């Protein structure tokens, strides 16, 4: 059975690209387009992995990550932050919020994401 991934990304274009990449790896991907919708989606059906953007309407990715990692029901779900925010302070904020990895959206992002998924044992 394929790993269920929840992608929380407000850009429909980027969401489609990331979803296609993850599906090409054999993963099942659901998409939420803002932080609150993402949290509702996690509570509704616990995914095996969350890929989370930082810049989201309503509630940013740091807030989403902290909320999910503080809840005993969702604390064990791996969260990978995938974002355009690549400055050191944002990376530290993401990791302090509980993200399992923090990946800047650059030319190496897809490769970095695939390596991270393999290291986490989430790819077959």
PDB file of N, CA and C in Angstrom:
ATOM      1  N   UNK A   1       0.840  -1.191   0.000  1.00  0.00           N
ATOM      2  CA  UNK A   1       0.000   0.000   0.000  1.00  0.00           C
ATOM      3  C   UNK A   1       0.881   1.250   0.000  1.00  0.00           C
ATOM      4  N   UNK A   2       0.522   2.209  -0.835  1.00  0.00           N
ATOM      5  CA  UNK A   2       1.322   3.427  -0.977  1.00  0.00           C
ATOM      6  C   UNK A   2       1.198   4.300   0.267  1.00  0.00           C
ATOM      7  N   UNK A   3       2.275   4.993   0.574  1.00  0.00           N
ATOM      8  CA  UNK A   3       2.278   5.932   1.681  1.00  0.00           C
ATOM      9  C   UNK A   3       1.349   7.091   1.356  1.00  0.00           C
ATOM     10  N   UNK A   4       0.511   7.477   2.312  1.00  0.00           N
ATOM     11  CA  UNK A   4      -0.416   8.593   2.167  1.00  0.00           C
ATOM     12  C   UNK A   4       0.302   9.877   2.603  1.00  0.00           C
ATOM     13  N   UNK A   5       0.420  10.822   1.681  1.00  0.00           N
ATOM     14  CA  UNK A   5       1.108  12.079   1.948  1.00  0.00           C
ATOM     15  C   UNK A   5       0.103  13.218   1.886  1.00  0.00           C
ATOM     16  N   UNK A   6       0.185  14.129   2.851  1.00  0.00           N
ATOM     17  CA  UNK A   6      -0.598  15.349   2.792  1.00  0.00           C
ATOM     18  C   UNK A   6       0.355  16.482   2.430  1.00  0.00           C
ATOM     19  N   UNK A   7       0.080  17.152   1.330  1.00  0.00           N
ATOM     20  CA  UNK A   7       0.852  18.301   0.881  1.00  0.00           C
ATOM     21  C   UNK A   7       0.057  19.546   1.240  1.00  0.00           C
ATOM     22  N   UNK A   8       0.660  20.427   2.036  1.00  0.00           N
ATOM     23  CA  UNK A   8       0.011  21.693   2.393  1.00  0.00           C
ATOM     24  C   UNK A   8       0.791  22.798   1.692  1.00  0.00           C
ATOM     25  N   UNK A   9       0.207  23.321   0.616  1.00  0.00           N
ATOM     26  CA  UNK A   9       0.887  24.274  -0.280  1.00  0.00           C
ATOM     27  C   UNK A   9      -0.173  25.199  -0.871  1.00  0.00           C
ATOM     28  N   UNK A  10      -0.005  26.517  -0.709  1.00  0.00           N
ATOM     29  CA  UNK A  10      -1.030  27.450  -1.181  1.00  0.00           C
ATOM     30  C   UNK A  10      -0.970  27.729  -2.679  1.00  0.00           C
ATOM     31  N   UNK A  11       0.170  27.512  -3.317  1.00  0.00           N
ATOM     32  CA  UNK A  11       0.279  27.742  -4.760  1.00  0.00           C
ATOM     33  C   UNK A  11      -0.220  26.501  -5.503  1.00  0.00           C
ATOM     34  N   UNK A  12      -1.300  26.676  -6.262  1.00  0.00           N
ATOM     35  CA  UNK A  12      -1.855  25.533  -6.998  1.00  0.00           C
ATOM     36  C   UNK A  12      -0.852  24.991  -8.024  1.00  0.00           C
ATOM     37  N   UNK A  13      -0.063  25.877  -8.641  1.00  0.00           N
ATOM     38  CA  UNK A  13       0.944  25.455  -9.619  1.00  0.00           C
ATOM     39  C   UNK A  13       2.026  24.618  -8.948  1.00  0.00           C
ATOM     40  N   UNK A  14       2.569  25.132  -7.845  1.00  0.00           N
ATOM     41  CA  UNK A  14       3.612  24.383  -7.143  1.00  0.00           C
ATOM     42  C   UNK A  14       3.046  23.098  -6.547  1.00  0.00           C
ATOM     43  N   UNK A  15       1.817  23.163  -6.033  1.00  0.00           N
ATOM     44  CA  UNK A  15       1.196  21.959  -5.469  1.00  0.00           C
ATOM     45  C   UNK A  15       1.099  20.868  -6.542  1.00  0.00           C
ATOM     46  N   UNK A  16       0.699  21.254  -7.748  1.00  0.00           N
ATOM     47  CA  UNK A  16       0.568  20.271  -8.834  1.00  0.00           C
ATOM     48  C   UNK A  16       1.924  19.660  -9.181  1.00  0.00           C
ATOM     49  N   UNK A  17       2.981  20.490  -9.207  1.00  0.00           N
ATOM     50  CA  UNK A  17       4.318  19.985  -9.528  1.00  0.00           C
ATOM     51  C   UNK A  17       4.829  19.037  -8.440  1.00  0.00           C
ATOM     52  N   UNK A  18       4.684  19.433  -7.185  1.00  0.00           N
ATOM     53  CA  UNK A  18       5.161  18.604  -6.072  1.00  0.00           C
ATOM     54  C   UNK A  18       4.361  17.311  -5.996  1.00  0.00           C
ATOM     55  N   UNK A  19       3.043  17.424  -6.195  1.00  0.00           N
ATOM     56  CA  UNK A  19       2.170  16.241  -6.167  1.00  0.00           C
ATOM     57  C   UNK A  19       2.605  15.251  -7.251  1.00  0.00           C
ATOM     58  N   UNK A  20       2.869  15.761  -8.456  1.00  0.00           N
ATOM     59  CA  UNK A  20       3.299  14.885  -9.563  1.00  0.00           C
ATOM     60  C   UNK A  20       4.620  14.194  -9.227  1.00  0.00           C
ATOM     61  N   UNK A  21       5.542  14.939  -8.627  1.00  0.00           N
ATOM     62  CA  UNK A  21       6.841  14.356  -8.248  1.00  0.00           C
ATOM     63  C   UNK A  21       6.635  13.236  -7.224  1.00  0.00           C
ATOM     64  N   UNK A  22       5.850  13.503  -6.197  1.00  0.00           N
ATOM     65  CA  UNK A  22       5.627  12.500  -5.153  1.00  0.00           C
ATOM     66  C   UNK A  22       4.878  11.284  -5.691  1.00  0.00           C
ATOM     67  N   UNK A  23       3.892  11.531  -6.560  1.00  0.00           N
ATOM     68  CA  UNK A  23       3.139  10.410  -7.136  1.00  0.00           C
ATOM     69  C   UNK A  23       4.031   9.563  -8.048  1.00  0.00           C
ATOM     70  N   UNK A  24       5.018  10.198  -8.691  1.00  0.00           N
ATOM     71  CA  UNK A  24       5.938   9.436  -9.549  1.00  0.00           C
ATOM     72  C   UNK A  24       6.803   8.491  -8.720  1.00  0.00           C
ATOM     73  N   UNK A  25       6.883   8.751  -7.406  1.00  0.00           N
ATOM     74  CA  UNK A  25       7.636   7.881  -6.493  1.00  0.00           C
ATOM     75  C   UNK A  25       6.742   6.792  -5.895  1.00  0.00           C
ATOM     76  N   UNK A  26       5.470   6.767  -6.333  1.00  0.00           N
ATOM     77  CA  UNK A  26       4.547   5.740  -5.854  1.00  0.00           C
ATOM     78  C   UNK A  26       3.788   6.126  -4.598  1.00  0.00           C
ATOM     79  N   UNK A  27       3.773   7.423  -4.268  1.00  0.00           N
ATOM     80  CA  UNK A  27       3.071   7.871  -3.073  1.00  0.00           C
ATOM     81  C   UNK A  27       1.685   8.383  -3.441  1.00  0.00           C
ATOM     82  N   UNK A  28       0.745   8.269  -2.502  1.00  0.00           N
ATOM     83  CA  UNK A  28      -0.594   8.829  -2.686  1.00  0.00           C
ATOM     84  C   UNK A  28      -0.602  10.208  -2.052  1.00  0.00           C
ATOM     85  N   UNK A  29      -1.050  11.216  -2.786  1.00  0.00           N
ATOM     86  CA  UNK A  29      -0.944  12.593  -2.306  1.00  0.00           C
ATOM     87  C   UNK A  29      -2.309  13.277  -2.263  1.00  0.00           C
ATOM     88  N   UNK A  30      -2.595  13.860  -1.105  1.00  0.00           N
ATOM     89  CA  UNK A  30      -3.750  14.753  -0.941  1.00  0.00           C
ATOM     90  C   UNK A  30      -3.191  16.154  -0.778  1.00  0.00           C
ATOM     91  N   UNK A  31      -3.948  17.176  -1.179  1.00  0.00           N
ATOM     92  CA  UNK A  31      -3.464  18.549  -1.089  1.00  0.00           C
ATOM     93  C   UNK A  31      -4.435  19.400  -0.275  1.00  0.00           C
ATOM     94  N   UNK A  32      -3.859  20.230   0.606  1.00  0.00           N
ATOM     95  CA  UNK A  32      -4.608  21.274   1.311  1.00  0.00           C
ATOM     96  C   UNK A  32      -3.931  22.588   0.935  1.00  0.00           C
ATOM     97  N   UNK A  33      -4.730  23.646   0.764  1.00  0.00           N
ATOM     98  CA  UNK A  33      -4.182  24.900   0.255  1.00  0.00           C
ATOM     99  C   UNK A  33      -3.995  25.990   1.310  1.00  0.00           C
ATOM    100  N   UNK A  34      -4.308  25.699   2.574  1.00  0.00           N
ATOM    101  CA  UNK A  34      -3.994  26.648   3.647  1.00  0.00           C
ATOM    102  C   UNK A  34      -3.792  25.876   4.943  1.00  0.00           C
ATOM    103  N   UNK A  35      -3.247  26.564   5.953  1.00  0.00           N
ATOM    104  CA  UNK A  35      -2.867  25.908   7.200  1.00  0.00           C
ATOM    105  C   UNK A  35      -4.019  25.246   7.942  1.00  0.00           C
ATOM    106  N   UNK A  36      -5.126  25.973   8.091  1.00  0.00           N
ATOM    107  CA  UNK A  36      -6.267  25.414   8.841  1.00  0.00           C
ATOM    108  C   UNK A  36      -6.856  24.212   8.121  1.00  0.00           C
ATOM    109  N   UNK A  37      -6.981  24.302   6.800  1.00  0.00           N
ATOM    110  CA  UNK A  37      -7.483  23.180   6.014  1.00  0.00           C
ATOM    111  C   UNK A  37      -6.535  21.983   6.145  1.00  0.00           C
ATOM    112  N   UNK A  38      -5.235  22.278   6.180  1.00  0.00           N
ATOM    113  CA  UNK A  38      -4.250  21.222   6.362  1.00  0.00           C
ATOM    114  C   UNK A  38      -4.414  20.510   7.695  1.00  0.00           C
ATOM    115  N   UNK A  39      -4.585  21.285   8.765  1.00  0.00           N
ATOM    116  CA  UNK A  39      -4.780  20.682  10.094  1.00  0.00           C
ATOM    117  C   UNK A  39      -6.057  19.850  10.115  1.00  0.00           C
ATOM    118  N   UNK A  40      -7.131  20.374   9.534  1.00  0.00           N
ATOM    119  CA  UNK A  40      -8.394  19.603   9.473  1.00  0.00           C
ATOM    120  C   UNK A  40      -8.189  18.299   8.717  1.00  0.00           C
ATOM    121  N   UNK A  41      -7.442  18.363   7.620  1.00  0.00           N
ATOM    122  CA  UNK A  41      -7.195  17.183   6.798  1.00  0.00           C
ATOM    123  C   UNK A  41      -6.373  16.140   7.559  1.00  0.00           C
ATOM    124  N   UNK A  42      -5.400  16.603   8.354  1.00  0.00           N
ATOM    125  CA  UNK A  42      -4.596  15.683   9.166  1.00  0.00           C
ATOM    126  C   UNK A  42      -5.485  14.997  10.201  1.00  0.00           C
ATOM    127  N   UNK A  43      -6.362  15.769  10.858  1.00  0.00           N
ATOM    128  CA  UNK A  43      -7.241  15.207  11.891  1.00  0.00           C
ATOM    129  C   UNK A  43      -8.245  14.226  11.292  1.00  0.00           C
ATOM    130  N   UNK A  44      -8.698  14.531  10.075  1.00  0.00           N
ATOM    131  CA  UNK A  44      -9.683  13.699   9.394  1.00  0.00           C
ATOM    132  C   UNK A  44      -9.090  12.346   9.011  1.00  0.00           C
ATOM    133  N   UNK A  45      -7.901  12.377   8.443  1.00  0.00           N
ATOM    134  CA  UNK A  45      -7.247  11.135   8.005  1.00  0.00           C
ATOM    135  C   UNK A  45      -5.748  11.310   8.183  1.00  0.00           C
ATOM    136  N   UNK A  46      -5.199  10.691   9.216  1.00  0.00           N
ATOM    137  CA  UNK A  46      -3.782  10.842   9.519  1.00  0.00           C
ATOM    138  C   UNK A  46      -2.920  10.350   8.368  1.00  0.00           C
ATOM    139  N   UNK A  47      -2.132  11.251   7.765  1.00  0.00           N
ATOM    140  CA  UNK A  47      -1.238  10.823   6.688  1.00  0.00           C
ATOM    141  C   UNK A  47       0.027  10.181   7.262  1.00  0.00           C
ATOM    142  N   UNK A  48       0.777   9.508   6.406  1.00  0.00           N
ATOM    143  CA  UNK A  48       2.050   8.935   6.829  1.00  0.00           C
ATOM    144  C   UNK A  48       3.172   9.958   6.769  1.00  0.00           C
ATOM    145  N   UNK A  49       2.910  11.089   6.085  1.00  0.00           N
ATOM    146  CA  UNK A  49       3.903  12.143   5.914  1.00  0.00           C
ATOM    147  C   UNK A  49       3.174  13.434   5.570  1.00  0.00           C
ATOM    148  N   UNK A  50       3.722  14.559   6.066  1.00  0.00           N
ATOM    149  CA  UNK A  50       3.207  15.879   5.700  1.00  0.00           C
ATOM    150  C   UNK A  50       4.346  16.656   5.047  1.00  0.00           C
ATOM    151  N   UNK A  51       4.075  17.199   3.862  1.00  0.00           N
ATOM    152  CA  UNK A  51       5.002  18.112   3.198  1.00  0.00           C
ATOM    153  C   UNK A  51       4.347  19.485   3.297  1.00  0.00           C
ATOM    154  N   UNK A  52       5.054  20.417   3.944  1.00  0.00           N
ATOM    155  CA  UNK A  52       4.438  21.664   4.399  1.00  0.00           C
ATOM    156  C   UNK A  52       5.186  22.895   3.913  1.00  0.00           C
ATOM    157  N   UNK A  53       4.458  23.817   3.290  1.00  0.00           N
ATOM    158  CA  UNK A  53       5.024  25.109   2.902  1.00  0.00           C
ATOM    159  C   UNK A  53       5.006  26.032   4.121  1.00  0.00           C
ATOM    160  N   UNK A  54       5.841  27.063   4.121  1.00  0.00           N
ATOM    161  CA  UNK A  54       5.843  28.030   5.226  1.00  0.00           C
ATOM    162  C   UNK A  54       4.838  29.137   4.983  1.00  0.00           C
ATOM    163  N   UNK A  55       4.866  29.710   3.778  1.00  0.00           N
ATOM    164  CA  UNK A  55       3.984  30.846   3.470  1.00  0.00           C
ATOM    165  C   UNK A  55       2.599  30.320   3.106  1.00  0.00           C
ATOM    166  N   UNK A  56       1.685  30.420   4.058  1.00  0.00           N
ATOM    167  CA  UNK A  56       0.317  29.948   3.856  1.00  0.00           C
ATOM    168  C   UNK A  56      -0.658  31.026   4.337  1.00  0.00           C
ATOM    169  N   UNK A  57      -1.832  31.101   3.727  1.00  0.00           N
ATOM    170  CA  UNK A  57      -2.825  32.063   4.215  1.00  0.00           C
ATOM    171  C   UNK A  57      -3.387  31.621   5.572  1.00  0.00           C
ATOM    172  N   UNK A  58      -3.691  32.588   6.414  1.00  0.00           N
ATOM    173  CA  UNK A  58      -4.334  32.305   7.698  1.00  0.00           C
ATOM    174  C   UNK A  58      -3.361  31.892   8.788  1.00  0.00           C
ATOM    175  N   UNK A  59      -2.719  30.774   8.618  1.00  0.00           N
ATOM    176  CA  UNK A  59      -1.806  30.222   9.619  1.00  0.00           C
ATOM    177  C   UNK A  59      -0.570  29.742   8.872  1.00  0.00           C
ATOM    178  N   UNK A  60       0.619  30.250   9.251  1.00  0.00           N
ATOM    179  CA  UNK A  60       1.804  29.862   8.487  1.00  0.00           C
ATOM    180  C   UNK A  60       2.270  28.450   8.835  1.00  0.00           C
ATOM    181  N   UNK A  61       3.212  27.964   8.043  1.00  0.00           N
ATOM    182  CA  UNK A  61       3.685  26.589   8.204  1.00  0.00           C
ATOM    183  C   UNK A  61       4.337  26.322   9.550  1.00  0.00           C
ATOM    184  N   UNK A  62       5.018  27.336  10.119  1.00  0.00           N
ATOM    185  CA  UNK A  62       5.622  27.158  11.447  1.00  0.00           C
ATOM    186  C   UNK A  62       4.538  26.887  12.483  1.00  0.00           C
ATOM    187  N   UNK A  63       3.436  27.658  12.411  1.00  0.00           N
ATOM    188  CA  UNK A  63       2.323  27.478  13.357  1.00  0.00           C
ATOM    189  C   UNK A  63       1.672  26.106  13.176  1.00  0.00           C
ATOM    190  N   UNK A  64       1.473  25.704  11.921  1.00  0.00           N
ATOM    191  CA  UNK A  64       0.883  24.391  11.631  1.00  0.00           C
ATOM    192  C   UNK A  64       1.766  23.292  12.207  1.00  0.00           C
ATOM    193  N   UNK A  65       3.058  23.387  11.957  1.00  0.00           N
ATOM    194  CA  UNK A  65       4.005  22.373  12.423  1.00  0.00           C
ATOM    195  C   UNK A  65       3.988  22.285  13.950  1.00  0.00           C
ATOM    196  N   UNK A  66       4.079  23.430  14.626  1.00  0.00           N
ATOM    197  CA  UNK A  66       4.066  23.429  16.095  1.00  0.00           C
ATOM    198  C   UNK A  66       2.789  22.796  16.637  1.00  0.00           C
ATOM    199  N   UNK A  67       1.652  23.163  16.048  1.00  0.00           N
ATOM    200  CA  UNK A  67       0.373  22.635  16.533  1.00  0.00           C
ATOM    201  C   UNK A  67       0.307  21.115  16.373  1.00  0.00           C
ATOM    202  N   UNK A  68       0.747  20.617  15.221  1.00  0.00           N
ATOM    203  CA  UNK A  68       0.696  19.169  14.971  1.00  0.00           C
ATOM    204  C   UNK A  68       1.691  18.416  15.848  1.00  0.00           C
ATOM    205  N   UNK A  69       2.872  18.981  16.060  1.00  0.00           N
ATOM    206  CA  UNK A  69       3.897  18.303  16.859  1.00  0.00           C
ATOM    207  C   UNK A  69       3.576  18.338  18.357  1.00  0.00           C
ATOM    208  N   UNK A  70       2.738  19.291  18.789  1.00  0.00           N
ATOM    209  CA  UNK A  70       2.352  19.368  20.207  1.00  0.00           C
ATOM    210  C   UNK A  70       1.213  18.412  20.556  1.00  0.00           C
ATOM    211  N   UNK A  71       0.473  17.966  19.566  1.00  0.00           N
ATOM    212  CA  UNK A  71      -0.663  17.077  19.811  1.00  0.00           C
ATOM    213  C   UNK A  71      -0.196  15.623  19.848  1.00  0.00           C
ATOM    214  N   UNK A  72      -0.520  14.895  20.926  1.00  0.00           N
ATOM    215  CA  UNK A  72      -0.116  13.484  21.004  1.00  0.00           C
ATOM    216  C   UNK A  72      -0.653  12.655  19.827  1.00  0.00           C
ATOM    217  N   UNK A  73      -1.804  13.049  19.266  1.00  0.00           N
ATOM    218  CA  UNK A  73      -2.398  12.315  18.143  1.00  0.00           C
ATOM    219  C   UNK A  73      -1.591  12.433  16.860  1.00  0.00           C
ATOM    220  N   UNK A  74      -0.894  13.565  16.684  1.00  0.00           N
ATOM    221  CA  UNK A  74      -0.227  13.816  15.411  1.00  0.00           C
ATOM    222  C   UNK A  74       1.285  14.034  15.541  1.00  0.00           C
ATOM    223  N   UNK A  75       1.804  14.003  16.751  1.00  0.00           N
ATOM    224  CA  UNK A  75       3.227  14.305  16.981  1.00  0.00           C
ATOM    225  C   UNK A  75       4.158  13.350  16.239  1.00  0.00           C
ATOM    226  N   UNK A  76       3.732  12.120  16.002  1.00  0.00           N
ATOM    227  CA  UNK A  76       4.589  11.131  15.362  1.00  0.00           C
ATOM    228  C   UNK A  76       4.602  11.184  13.845  1.00  0.00           C
ATOM    229  N   UNK A  77       3.780  12.035  13.248  1.00  0.00           N
ATOM    230  CA  UNK A  77       3.737  12.126  11.786  1.00  0.00           C
ATOM    231  C   UNK A  77       4.939  12.954  11.317  1.00  0.00           C
ATOM    232  N   UNK A  78       5.789  12.403  10.440  1.00  0.00           N
ATOM    233  CA  UNK A  78       6.927  13.179   9.951  1.00  0.00           C
ATOM    234  C   UNK A  78       6.458  14.395   9.146  1.00  0.00           C
ATOM    235  N   UNK A  79       7.124  15.524   9.373  1.00  0.00           N
ATOM    236  CA  UNK A  79       6.815  16.750   8.636  1.00  0.00           C
ATOM    237  C   UNK A  79       8.087  17.235   7.946  1.00  0.00           C
ATOM    238  N   UNK A  80       7.991  17.421   6.644  1.00  0.00           N
ATOM    239  CA  UNK A  80       9.080  18.000   5.874  1.00  0.00           C
ATOM    240  C   UNK A  80       8.606  19.365   5.390  1.00  0.00           C
ATOM    241  N   UNK A  81       9.310  20.412   5.804  1.00  0.00           N
ATOM    242  CA  UNK A  81       8.976  21.746   5.324  1.00  0.00           C
ATOM    243  C   UNK A  81       9.690  21.954   3.994  1.00  0.00           C
ATOM    244  N   UNK A  82       8.920  22.340   2.979  1.00  0.00           N
ATOM    245  CA  UNK A  82       9.437  22.573   1.626  1.00  0.00           C
ATOM    246  C   UNK A  82       9.004  23.983   1.257  1.00  0.00           C
ATOM    247  N   UNK A  83       9.957  24.925   1.210  1.00  0.00           N
ATOM    248  CA  UNK A  83       9.572  26.326   1.136  1.00  0.00           C
ATOM    249  C   UNK A  83      10.575  27.192   0.398  1.00  0.00           C
ATOM    250  N   UNK A  84      10.121  28.334  -0.070  1.00  0.00           N
ATOM    251  CA  UNK A  84      11.006  29.310  -0.705  1.00  0.00           C
ATOM    252  C   UNK A  84      11.837  30.067   0.334  1.00  0.00           C
ATOM    253  N   UNK A  85      11.427  30.010   1.591  1.00  0.00           N
ATOM    254  CA  UNK A  85      12.166  30.712   2.643  1.00  0.00           C
ATOM    255  C   UNK A  85      13.437  29.931   2.947  1.00  0.00           C
ATOM    256  N   UNK A  86      14.570  30.413   2.444  1.00  0.00           N
ATOM    257  CA  UNK A  86      15.808  29.652   2.576  1.00  0.00           C
ATOM    258  C   UNK A  86      16.825  30.294   3.519  1.00  0.00           C
ATOM    259  N   UNK A  87      16.449  31.388   4.180  1.00  0.00           N
ATOM    260  CA  UNK A  87      17.405  32.013   5.089  1.00  0.00           C
ATOM    261  C   UNK A  87      17.589  31.148   6.348  1.00  0.00           C
ATOM    262  N   UNK A  88      18.759  31.285   6.965  1.00  0.00           N
ATOM    263  CA  UNK A  88      19.113  30.444   8.119  1.00  0.00           C
ATOM    264  C   UNK A  88      18.088  30.545   9.243  1.00  0.00           C
ATOM    265  N   UNK A  89      17.587  31.754   9.515  1.00  0.00           N
ATOM    266  CA  UNK A  89      16.621  31.938  10.608  1.00  0.00           C
ATOM    267  C   UNK A  89      15.335  31.144  10.349  1.00  0.00           C
ATOM    268  N   UNK A  90      14.871  31.135   9.098  1.00  0.00           N
ATOM    269  CA  UNK A  90      13.661  30.376   8.758  1.00  0.00           C
ATOM    270  C   UNK A  90      13.902  28.880   8.932  1.00  0.00           C
ATOM    271  N   UNK A  91      15.080  28.408   8.527  1.00  0.00           N
ATOM    272  CA  UNK A  91      15.428  27.001   8.698  1.00  0.00           C
ATOM    273  C   UNK A  91      15.408  26.631  10.177  1.00  0.00           C
ATOM    274  N   UNK A  92      16.033  27.470  11.002  1.00  0.00           N
ATOM    275  CA  UNK A  92      16.046  27.212  12.451  1.00  0.00           C
ATOM    276  C   UNK A  92      14.626  27.224  13.019  1.00  0.00           C
ATOM    277  N   UNK A  93      13.807  28.170  12.592  1.00  0.00           N
ATOM    278  CA  UNK A  93      12.422  28.249  13.066  1.00  0.00           C
ATOM    279  C   UNK A  93      11.654  26.980  12.712  1.00  0.00           C
ATOM    280  N   UNK A  94      11.875  26.480  11.489  1.00  0.00           N
ATOM    281  CA  UNK A  94      11.199  25.256  11.061  1.00  0.00           C
ATOM    282  C   UNK A  94      11.605  24.057  11.891  1.00  0.00           C
ATOM    283  N   UNK A  95      12.899  23.926  12.120  1.00  0.00           N
ATOM    284  CA  UNK A  95      13.380  22.785  12.906  1.00  0.00           C
ATOM    285  C   UNK A  95      12.957  22.920  14.372  1.00  0.00           C
ATOM    286  N   UNK A  96      12.964  24.141  14.905  1.00  0.00           N
ATOM    287  CA  UNK A  96      12.511  24.361  16.283  1.00  0.00           C
ATOM    288  C   UNK A  96      11.014  24.094  16.423  1.00  0.00           C
ATOM    289  N   UNK A  97      10.256  24.314  15.350  1.00  0.00           N
ATOM    290  CA  UNK A  97       8.820  24.038  15.380  1.00  0.00           C
ATOM    291  C   UNK A  97       8.547  22.529  15.373  1.00  0.00           C
ATOM    292  N   UNK A  98       9.589  21.738  15.054  1.00  0.00           N
ATOM    293  CA  UNK A  98       9.435  20.283  15.088  1.00  0.00           C
ATOM    294  C   UNK A  98       9.533  19.595  13.744  1.00  0.00           C
ATOM    295  N   UNK A  99       9.833  20.354  12.690  1.00  0.00           N
ATOM    296  CA  UNK A  99       9.955  19.732  11.367  1.00  0.00           C
ATOM    297  C   UNK A  99      11.070  18.693  11.372  1.00  0.00           C
ATOM    298  N   UNK A 100      10.844  17.592  10.677  1.00  0.00           N
ATOM    299  CA  UNK A 100      11.843  16.540  10.581  1.00  0.00           C
ATOM    300  C   UNK A 100      12.931  16.903   9.568  1.00  0.00           C
ATOM    301  N   UNK A 101      12.587  17.747   8.597  1.00  0.00           N
ATOM    302  CA  UNK A 101      13.572  18.278   7.671  1.00  0.00           C
ATOM    303  C   UNK A 101      13.032  19.595   7.132  1.00  0.00           C
ATOM    304  N   UNK A 102      13.939  20.424   6.622  1.00  0.00           N
ATOM    305  CA  UNK A 102      13.595  21.735   6.092  1.00  0.00           C
ATOM    306  C   UNK A 102      14.318  21.858   4.756  1.00  0.00           C
ATOM    307  N   UNK A 103      13.553  21.928   3.679  1.00  0.00           N
ATOM    308  CA  UNK A 103      14.130  21.916   2.336  1.00  0.00           C
ATOM    309  C   UNK A 103      13.760  23.208   1.601  1.00  0.00           C
ATOM    310  N   UNK A 104      14.773  24.002   1.237  1.00  0.00           N
ATOM    311  CA  UNK A 104      14.487  25.193   0.428  1.00  0.00           C
ATOM    312  C   UNK A 104      14.087  24.777  -0.992  1.00  0.00           C
ATOM    313  N   UNK A 105      13.148  25.517  -1.578  1.00  0.00           N
ATOM    314  CA  UNK A 105      12.741  25.251  -2.962  1.00  0.00           C
ATOM    315  C   UNK A 105      13.788  25.869  -3.881  1.00  0.00           C
ATOM    316  N   UNK A 106      14.788  25.078  -4.220  1.00  0.00           N
ATOM    317  CA  UNK A 106      15.803  25.517  -5.163  1.00  0.00           C
ATOM    318  C   UNK A 106      15.972  24.420  -6.209  1.00  0.00           C
ATOM    319  N   UNK A 107      17.013  24.515  -7.022  1.00  0.00           N
ATOM    320  CA  UNK A 107      17.161  23.517  -8.090  1.00  0.00           C
ATOM    321  C   UNK A 107      17.443  22.114  -7.555  1.00  0.00           C
ATOM    322  N   UNK A 108      17.831  22.014  -6.278  1.00  0.00           N
ATOM    323  CA  UNK A 108      18.112  20.708  -5.684  1.00  0.00           C
ATOM    324  C   UNK A 108      16.952  20.172  -4.839  1.00  0.00           C
ATOM    325  N   UNK A 109      15.846  20.900  -4.774  1.00  0.00           N
ATOM    326  CA  UNK A 109      14.759  20.548  -3.860  1.00  0.00           C
ATOM    327  C   UNK A 109      14.207  19.142  -4.107  1.00  0.00           C
ATOM    328  N   UNK A 110      13.965  18.778  -5.353  1.00  0.00           N
ATOM    329  CA  UNK A 110      13.397  17.458  -5.648  1.00  0.00           C
ATOM    330  C   UNK A 110      14.356  16.355  -5.218  1.00  0.00           C
ATOM    331  N   UNK A 111      15.632  16.519  -5.546  1.00  0.00           N
ATOM    332  CA  UNK A 111      16.639  15.533  -5.172  1.00  0.00           C
ATOM    333  C   UNK A 111      16.757  15.435  -3.643  1.00  0.00           C
ATOM    334  N   UNK A 112      16.771  16.581  -2.980  1.00  0.00           N
ATOM    335  CA  UNK A 112      16.857  16.630  -1.516  1.00  0.00           C
ATOM    336  C   UNK A 112      15.641  15.930  -0.891  1.00  0.00           C
ATOM    337  N   UNK A 113      14.447  16.214  -1.436  1.00  0.00           N
ATOM    338  CA  UNK A 113      13.226  15.588  -0.928  1.00  0.00           C
ATOM    339  C   UNK A 113      13.291  14.066  -1.098  1.00  0.00           C
ATOM    340  N   UNK A 114      13.712  13.596  -2.246  1.00  0.00           N
ATOM    341  CA  UNK A 114      13.794  12.149  -2.488  1.00  0.00           C
ATOM    342  C   UNK A 114      14.807  11.502  -1.539  1.00  0.00           C
ATOM    343  N   UNK A 115      15.948  12.143  -1.332  1.00  0.00           N
ATOM    344  CA  UNK A 115      16.963  11.621  -0.410  1.00  0.00           C
ATOM    345  C   UNK A 115      16.418  11.548   1.010  1.00  0.00           C
ATOM    346  N   UNK A 116      15.728  12.608   1.432  1.00  0.00           N
ATOM    347  CA  UNK A 116      15.145  12.640   2.765  1.00  0.00           C
ATOM    348  C   UNK A 116      14.126  11.514   2.946  1.00  0.00           C
ATOM    349  N   UNK A 117      13.275  11.315   1.955  1.00  0.00           N
ATOM    350  CA  UNK A 117      12.263  10.245   2.040  1.00  0.00           C
ATOM    351  C   UNK A 117      12.928   8.877   2.121  1.00  0.00           C
ATOM    352  N   UNK A 118      14.016   8.684   1.385  1.00  0.00           N
ATOM    353  CA  UNK A 118      14.737   7.410   1.445  1.00  0.00           C
ATOM    354  C   UNK A 118      15.381   7.230   2.831  1.00  0.00           C
ATOM    355  N   UNK A 119      15.996   8.285   3.339  1.00  0.00           N
ATOM    356  CA  UNK A 119      16.646   8.213   4.662  1.00  0.00           C
ATOM    357  C   UNK A 119      15.640   7.948   5.767  1.00  0.00           C
ATOM    358  N   UNK A 120      14.417   8.458   5.606  1.00  0.00           N
ATOM    359  CA  UNK A 120      13.366   8.250   6.602  1.00  0.00           C
ATOM    360  C   UNK A 120      12.714   6.877   6.457  1.00  0.00           C
ATOM    361  N   UNK A 121      13.092   6.158   5.403  1.00  0.00           N
ATOM    362  CA  UNK A 121      12.507   4.836   5.167  1.00  0.00           C
ATOM    363  C   UNK A 121      11.096   4.893   4.612  1.00  0.00           C
ATOM    364  N   UNK A 122      10.750   6.012   3.963  1.00  0.00           N
ATOM    365  CA  UNK A 122       9.386   6.197   3.447  1.00  0.00           C
ATOM    366  C   UNK A 122       9.236   5.808   1.986  1.00  0.00           C
ATOM    367  N   UNK A 123      10.359   5.545   1.334  1.00  0.00           N
ATOM    368  CA  UNK A 123      10.314   5.071  -0.062  1.00  0.00           C
ATOM    369  C   UNK A 123      10.776   3.626  -0.094  1.00  0.00           C
ATOM    370  N   UNK A 124      10.164   2.855  -0.970  1.00  0.00           N
ATOM    371  CA  UNK A 124      10.554   1.449  -1.084  1.00  0.00           C
ATOM    372  C   UNK A 124      11.722   1.304  -2.016  1.00  0.00           C
TER     373      UNK A 124
END
